[in-house]
Amino acid sequence: MSVRRSITLALATLTATGLLTACGTSDPAADLAAPKGHKDGGVNIGPDQDRIRGKKVAAAADLVPEAIRKRGTLRIGASADASPPLGFYATDDKTRIGSEIDIATLVADTLGLKPQFEEVSWENLFVGLDSSKFDAVLSNVTVTEERKVKYDFATYRLDNIAFEAEKGSGWTVKEPADVAGKTISVSSGTNQEKILVEWSEENVKAGRKPVDIKYFQKDTDYYLALQSGRIDAHLGPSPTAAYHVATAGQSEIIGQLSGAGGDLQGKIAATTKKDSGLVKAYAAAIDHIVQDGSYGKVLKRWGLSGEAVEKSEINPPGLPKTKG
């Protein structure tokens, strides 16, 4: 299903639920940058984003390793999957837009570097970091204790995940018992998969049925699976689920939880190779854009104000390692 469908409906629904707030100004940095042809605003998914930009801040830029300063570019890895409003293709089918691209651009601007994006599959984001192909990944990466062994993190957004089911399912998910025996899809290699696997294991230990876990790497695949009844629900990032619920009008959110599990608030972070020398620069840049207000404008524009952080944390506690 196209993510471009029913943009006006998306605005109306998200505004009503508090996920998006439309403003009376025509300033694209302050409202939802209405696309041409929409009278009362909407979510701008055209290639001309009039993106909010920042300026170099010496105190943050000086923290960047000399070799990268001389190069003048910040090589940023981003997922090629279509996951609105985080990262997806504009109406020209080639321009990447979304909140993650906007924030990454602001970080690069603050560090006095030109952002250079490359879209790859999820697993290749980490391969790119390992090989030093990327200086950073800003693509909805959750801080986990396992990842902290190889990577450094500077947080920039709260991480919440959601169960999405067919509208009118009459089903609510709050704990492992609620998904026992259900068929639920998830993307492989994500913290959502880790949590779902752990919940399934808890059910088995308690004498309940395990979760029948299905794997889809593309959002469009799970959309079709939901519509056809091949899965009972999908577990993914809350922002993506909320966007799909609003634009398609055929599903609903039946449960939400922290992306780090039940006992810890998950955090999304700018990710870099361990000891690359960049994490302090990222944290400083994020703190600056939080303070100057540009960060808040980006989150508001994409309906993510509820996931804002007050400051960046370097390598905070993350989703615990799997016991075993």
Foldseek 3Di string as FASTA:
>chain_A
DDLVFPQVLLVVVLCVVLLAPADPDCPLLFGQNADPPDDRRGHAQALPSVADEDAADCVLLVLADPVCVVVQAAEEEEAAAAQPQQWHHGPVRPHIHHLLVRVVRRLCRHNRGHYDYDHDHPVVNVVCQVVVVGQKYRYQAWQAPVVVVWKKWKFWWWFKKFKKAFPPPPAADDALVSQFPFEEEEAPPHLQVVQLQVSQVVQVVVVTHGYNYDHDRHPVVVVVCRVVVVGGIYMDTPLRNSSCCSRVVGMDTRYMDASLDHPDTITRTIMHTPPPSNNSSSQVSSLVCLVVVSSCSSSNNRSNNVTGDNGIDMNDHGRYDDDD
